[in-house]
Amino acid sequence: MILAWWREIAIAAALAAAGLQTVRLANEQADHFRTKAAHAVQLQRIADGTSQAAQAAQKAQQATQLAVASIGTIRTQEKTDAIADNSARRARDLTGSGGMRIPAVC
């Protein structure tokens, strides 16, 4: 009789331990899923921020390329104008039609 009583107590203790373990595991799983959801939100924020930064960098790069191209066009036109002016002066000097005026004080 005492042996049966101890066996019942042992079985009840094992069942209680199993029940506690099940509850503990369920709580750990719930905590894990909450953490996982929080991390997913954080990762999405990081991804959004990275995307915005990449778009801003691309716009800045395009603006820089446009500015450099504009400067290149201006410098090319200035060079072309200077070459044309030099050619015209050289032609005038070779023909002697340009004349040269030097202001002098006597």
N, C-alpha and C. Protein backbone atom coordinates (compact mmCIF):
# COMPACT_ATOMS: atom_id res chain seq x y z
N MET A 1 0.82 -1.18 0.00
CA MET A 1 0.00 0.00 0.00
C MET A 1 0.86 1.25 0.00
N ILE A 2 1.90 1.25 0.85
CA ILE A 2 2.79 2.40 0.90
C ILE A 2 3.57 2.50 -0.40
N LEU A 3 3.91 1.35 -0.95
CA LEU A 3 4.64 1.34 -2.20
C LEU A 3 3.77 1.92 -3.32
N ALA A 4 2.51 1.61 -3.37
CA ALA A 4 1.58 2.14 -4.36
C ALA A 4 1.42 3.63 -4.17
N TRP A 5 1.39 4.04 -2.88
CA TRP A 5 1.24 5.47 -2.59
C TRP A 5 2.45 6.25 -3.10
N TRP A 6 3.65 5.73 -2.88
CA TRP A 6 4.87 6.37 -3.36
C TRP A 6 4.92 6.38 -4.88
N ARG A 7 4.44 5.33 -5.47
CA ARG A 7 4.42 5.25 -6.93
C ARG A 7 3.49 6.32 -7.49
N GLU A 8 2.33 6.51 -6.86
CA GLU A 8 1.40 7.54 -7.30
C GLU A 8 1.99 8.94 -7.12
N ILE A 9 2.71 9.11 -6.02
CA ILE A 9 3.36 10.41 -5.78
C ILE A 9 4.46 10.64 -6.83
N ALA A 10 5.21 9.60 -7.15
CA ALA A 10 6.26 9.71 -8.14
C ALA A 10 5.68 10.02 -9.52
N ILE A 11 4.57 9.34 -9.86
CA ILE A 11 3.90 9.59 -11.14
C ILE A 11 3.36 11.02 -11.18
N ALA A 12 2.74 11.46 -10.08
CA ALA A 12 2.20 12.82 -10.01
C ALA A 12 3.33 13.85 -10.12
N ALA A 13 4.43 13.57 -9.47
CA ALA A 13 5.57 14.49 -9.54
C ALA A 13 6.12 14.55 -10.95
N ALA A 14 6.20 13.41 -11.63
CA ALA A 14 6.69 13.37 -13.01
C ALA A 14 5.75 14.13 -13.94
N LEU A 15 4.43 13.93 -13.72
CA LEU A 15 3.45 14.66 -14.52
C LEU A 15 3.54 16.16 -14.27
N ALA A 16 3.70 16.55 -13.01
CA ALA A 16 3.83 17.96 -12.67
C ALA A 16 5.09 18.56 -13.31
N ALA A 17 6.18 17.80 -13.25
CA ALA A 17 7.42 18.28 -13.85
C ALA A 17 7.26 18.42 -15.36
N ALA A 18 6.59 17.43 -15.97
CA ALA A 18 6.35 17.50 -17.41
C ALA A 18 5.46 18.69 -17.74
N GLY A 19 4.44 18.93 -16.92
CA GLY A 19 3.56 20.08 -17.14
C GLY A 19 4.31 21.39 -17.00
N LEU A 20 5.16 21.50 -15.98
CA LEU A 20 5.96 22.71 -15.79
C LEU A 20 6.92 22.92 -16.96
N GLN A 21 7.51 21.83 -17.42
CA GLN A 21 8.43 21.92 -18.55
C GLN A 21 7.70 22.39 -19.80
N THR A 22 6.48 21.88 -20.01
CA THR A 22 5.67 22.28 -21.16
C THR A 22 5.34 23.76 -21.09
N VAL A 23 4.96 24.23 -19.92
CA VAL A 23 4.64 25.65 -19.74
C VAL A 23 5.90 26.50 -19.98
N ARG A 24 7.03 26.06 -19.44
CA ARG A 24 8.28 26.80 -19.62
C ARG A 24 8.67 26.88 -21.09
N LEU A 25 8.53 25.75 -21.80
CA LEU A 25 8.85 25.74 -23.22
C LEU A 25 7.90 26.64 -24.01
N ALA A 26 6.63 26.62 -23.64
CA ALA A 26 5.66 27.48 -24.33
C ALA A 26 6.00 28.95 -24.11
N ASN A 27 6.41 29.30 -22.89
CA ASN A 27 6.81 30.69 -22.61
C ASN A 27 8.06 31.08 -23.39
N GLU A 28 9.02 30.14 -23.47
CA GLU A 28 10.23 30.41 -24.23
C GLU A 28 9.92 30.61 -25.71
N GLN A 29 9.01 29.80 -26.23
CA GLN A 29 8.63 29.95 -27.63
C GLN A 29 7.95 31.30 -27.87
N ALA A 30 7.08 31.68 -26.96
CA ALA A 30 6.41 32.98 -27.10
C ALA A 30 7.43 34.11 -27.05
N ASP A 31 8.38 34.03 -26.13
CA ASP A 31 9.44 35.04 -26.06
C ASP A 31 10.26 35.07 -27.34
N HIS A 32 10.55 33.88 -27.85
CA HIS A 32 11.33 33.78 -29.08
C HIS A 32 10.59 34.45 -30.24
N PHE A 33 9.30 34.19 -30.37
CA PHE A 33 8.53 34.78 -31.46
C PHE A 33 8.41 36.29 -31.30
N ARG A 34 8.29 36.79 -30.06
CA ARG A 34 8.24 38.24 -29.84
C ARG A 34 9.57 38.88 -30.24
N THR A 35 10.66 38.24 -29.86
CA THR A 35 11.98 38.76 -30.21
C THR A 35 12.17 38.74 -31.72
N LYS A 36 11.74 37.65 -32.33
CA LYS A 36 11.87 37.52 -33.78
C LYS A 36 11.07 38.60 -34.49
N ALA A 37 9.87 38.89 -34.02
CA ALA A 37 9.03 39.94 -34.62
C ALA A 37 9.68 41.31 -34.42
N ALA A 38 10.23 41.56 -33.24
CA ALA A 38 10.89 42.85 -32.98
C ALA A 38 12.11 43.01 -33.88
N HIS A 39 12.86 41.93 -34.08
CA HIS A 39 14.03 42.00 -34.95
C HIS A 39 13.62 42.22 -36.40
N ALA A 40 12.51 41.63 -36.81
CA ALA A 40 12.03 41.83 -38.17
C ALA A 40 11.68 43.30 -38.41
N VAL A 41 11.07 43.93 -37.41
CA VAL A 41 10.73 45.35 -37.52
C VAL A 41 12.01 46.18 -37.62
N GLN A 42 12.99 45.87 -36.78
CA GLN A 42 14.25 46.61 -36.81
C GLN A 42 14.97 46.42 -38.14
N LEU A 43 14.98 45.20 -38.64
CA LEU A 43 15.63 44.94 -39.92
C LEU A 43 14.93 45.68 -41.06
N GLN A 44 13.61 45.77 -41.00
CA GLN A 44 12.87 46.51 -42.03
C GLN A 44 13.22 47.99 -41.97
N ARG A 45 13.33 48.55 -40.77
CA ARG A 45 13.73 49.96 -40.62
C ARG A 45 15.13 50.18 -41.19
N ILE A 46 16.03 49.27 -40.89
CA ILE A 46 17.40 49.39 -41.41
C ILE A 46 17.39 49.32 -42.94
N ALA A 47 16.61 48.40 -43.49
CA ALA A 47 16.53 48.26 -44.94
C ALA A 47 15.95 49.52 -45.57
N ASP A 48 14.93 50.10 -44.96
CA ASP A 48 14.33 51.33 -45.49
C ASP A 48 15.35 52.47 -45.45
N GLY A 49 16.06 52.59 -44.35
CA GLY A 49 17.08 53.64 -44.23
C GLY A 49 18.19 53.47 -45.24
N THR A 50 18.61 52.23 -45.45
CA THR A 50 19.66 51.96 -46.43
C THR A 50 19.18 52.29 -47.84
N SER A 51 17.95 51.96 -48.12
CA SER A 51 17.39 52.25 -49.44
C SER A 51 17.34 53.75 -49.68
N GLN A 52 16.90 54.51 -48.69
CA GLN A 52 16.84 55.96 -48.82
C GLN A 52 18.23 56.56 -49.00
N ALA A 53 19.19 56.04 -48.25
CA ALA A 53 20.57 56.53 -48.37
C ALA A 53 21.14 56.23 -49.76
N ALA A 54 20.85 55.05 -50.27
CA ALA A 54 21.33 54.69 -51.61
C ALA A 54 20.71 55.58 -52.68
N GLN A 55 19.42 55.88 -52.54
CA GLN A 55 18.76 56.77 -53.50
C GLN A 55 19.34 58.17 -53.43
N ALA A 56 19.61 58.66 -52.22
CA ALA A 56 20.19 59.99 -52.07
C ALA A 56 21.59 60.03 -52.67
N ALA A 57 22.38 58.98 -52.46
CA ALA A 57 23.72 58.93 -53.02
C ALA A 57 23.67 58.90 -54.55
N GLN A 58 22.72 58.17 -55.09
CA GLN A 58 22.58 58.10 -56.55
C GLN A 58 22.19 59.46 -57.12
N LYS A 59 21.28 60.17 -56.45
CA LYS A 59 20.89 61.51 -56.91
C LYS A 59 22.07 62.47 -56.85
N ALA A 60 22.85 62.38 -55.77
CA ALA A 60 24.02 63.24 -55.63
C ALA A 60 25.04 62.94 -56.72
N GLN A 61 25.24 61.66 -57.03
CA GLN A 61 26.18 61.28 -58.07
C GLN A 61 25.72 61.80 -59.43
N GLN A 62 24.42 61.71 -59.70
CA GLN A 62 23.89 62.21 -60.97
C GLN A 62 24.06 63.72 -61.07
N ALA A 63 23.81 64.42 -59.96
CA ALA A 63 23.99 65.88 -59.95
C ALA A 63 25.45 66.25 -60.19
N THR A 64 26.36 65.51 -59.58
CA THR A 64 27.79 65.77 -59.79
C THR A 64 28.18 65.51 -61.24
N GLN A 65 27.70 64.42 -61.81
CA GLN A 65 28.01 64.11 -63.21
C GLN A 65 27.47 65.19 -64.14
N LEU A 66 26.27 65.69 -63.85
CA LEU A 66 25.69 66.74 -64.66
C LEU A 66 26.51 68.02 -64.55
N ALA A 67 26.94 68.36 -63.34
CA ALA A 67 27.76 69.56 -63.15
C ALA A 67 29.10 69.43 -63.87
N VAL A 68 29.72 68.27 -63.78
CA VAL A 68 31.01 68.05 -64.46
C VAL A 68 30.82 68.13 -65.97
N ALA A 69 29.75 67.55 -66.48
CA ALA A 69 29.49 67.61 -67.92
C ALA A 69 29.25 69.06 -68.36
N SER A 70 28.54 69.82 -67.56
CA SER A 70 28.28 71.22 -67.87
C SER A 70 29.57 72.02 -67.90
N ILE A 71 30.43 71.80 -66.91
CA ILE A 71 31.72 72.48 -66.87
C ILE A 71 32.56 72.08 -68.08
N GLY A 72 32.54 70.81 -68.42
CA GLY A 72 33.28 70.33 -69.60
C GLY A 72 32.80 71.00 -70.87
N THR A 73 31.49 71.16 -71.01
CA THR A 73 30.92 71.81 -72.20
C THR A 73 31.34 73.27 -72.26
N ILE A 74 31.29 73.94 -71.12
CA ILE A 74 31.69 75.36 -71.07
C ILE A 74 33.16 75.50 -71.43
N ARG A 75 34.02 74.66 -70.84
CA ARG A 75 35.45 74.75 -71.12
C ARG A 75 35.76 74.42 -72.58
N THR A 76 35.06 73.47 -73.15
CA THR A 76 35.26 73.13 -74.56
C THR A 76 34.88 74.31 -75.45
N GLN A 77 33.77 74.96 -75.14
CA GLN A 77 33.35 76.13 -75.92
C GLN A 77 34.35 77.27 -75.77
N GLU A 78 34.85 77.50 -74.55
CA GLU A 78 35.85 78.54 -74.33
C GLU A 78 37.12 78.24 -75.13
N LYS A 79 37.53 76.99 -75.13
CA LYS A 79 38.73 76.60 -75.89
C LYS A 79 38.51 76.81 -77.38
N THR A 80 37.37 76.42 -77.87
CA THR A 80 37.05 76.60 -79.29
C THR A 80 37.06 78.08 -79.66
N ASP A 81 36.45 78.91 -78.82
CA ASP A 81 36.43 80.35 -79.07
C ASP A 81 37.84 80.93 -79.05
N ALA A 82 38.68 80.49 -78.10
CA ALA A 82 40.05 80.99 -78.01
C ALA A 82 40.86 80.58 -79.22
N ILE A 83 40.70 79.35 -79.67
CA ILE A 83 41.42 78.89 -80.86
C ILE A 83 40.99 79.69 -82.08
N ALA A 84 39.68 79.93 -82.22
CA ALA A 84 39.18 80.72 -83.35
C ALA A 84 39.72 82.14 -83.28
N ASP A 85 39.73 82.74 -82.08
CA ASP A 85 40.26 84.10 -81.92
C ASP A 85 41.75 84.14 -82.27
N ASN A 86 42.51 83.15 -81.79
CA ASN A 86 43.94 83.10 -82.11
C ASN A 86 44.17 82.92 -83.61
N SER A 87 43.38 82.09 -84.22
CA SER A 87 43.52 81.88 -85.66
C SER A 87 43.22 83.16 -86.42
N ALA A 88 42.19 83.88 -85.99
CA ALA A 88 41.84 85.15 -86.65
C ALA A 88 42.96 86.17 -86.46
N ARG A 89 43.52 86.27 -85.27
CA ARG A 89 44.63 87.20 -85.01
C ARG A 89 45.87 86.82 -85.83
N ARG A 90 46.16 85.52 -85.88
CA ARG A 90 47.31 85.06 -86.64
C ARG A 90 47.14 85.43 -88.12
N ALA A 91 45.92 85.22 -88.63
CA ALA A 91 45.65 85.55 -90.03
C ALA A 91 45.82 87.05 -90.25
N ARG A 92 45.34 87.88 -89.35
CA ARG A 92 45.49 89.33 -89.47
C ARG A 92 46.95 89.74 -89.42
N ASP A 93 47.69 89.10 -88.51
CA ASP A 93 49.10 89.43 -88.37
C ASP A 93 49.89 89.03 -89.61
N LEU A 94 49.57 87.90 -90.20
CA LEU A 94 50.28 87.44 -91.39
C LEU A 94 50.01 88.34 -92.60
N THR A 95 48.79 88.85 -92.68
CA THR A 95 48.45 89.73 -93.81
C THR A 95 48.84 91.16 -93.51
N GLY A 96 49.04 91.49 -92.27
CA GLY A 96 49.43 92.84 -91.91
C GLY A 96 48.29 93.81 -91.90
N SER A 97 47.07 93.32 -91.98
CA SER A 97 45.91 94.20 -92.01
C SER A 97 45.40 94.60 -90.64
N GLY A 98 45.85 93.96 -89.65
CA GLY A 98 45.31 94.24 -88.31
C GLY A 98 45.87 95.51 -87.72
N GLY A 99 47.09 95.79 -87.97
CA GLY A 99 47.72 96.95 -87.39
C GLY A 99 47.85 96.78 -85.88
N MET A 100 48.74 97.52 -85.34
CA MET A 100 48.93 97.44 -83.91
C MET A 100 49.01 98.86 -83.39
N ARG A 101 48.27 99.16 -82.36
CA ARG A 101 48.28 100.47 -81.77
C ARG A 101 48.89 100.41 -80.40
N ILE A 102 49.88 101.18 -80.22
CA ILE A 102 50.54 101.23 -78.91
C ILE A 102 50.37 102.66 -78.41
N PRO A 103 49.63 102.82 -77.31
CA PRO A 103 49.48 104.18 -76.80
C PRO A 103 50.80 104.65 -76.22
N ALA A 104 51.23 105.83 -76.64
CA ALA A 104 52.50 106.35 -76.15
C ALA A 104 52.32 107.80 -75.74
N VAL A 105 53.12 108.19 -74.82
CA VAL A 105 53.09 109.58 -74.37
C VAL A 105 54.43 110.19 -74.76
N CYS A 106 54.34 111.26 -75.49
CA CYS A 106 55.58 111.91 -75.93
C CYS A 106 55.86 113.15 -75.11
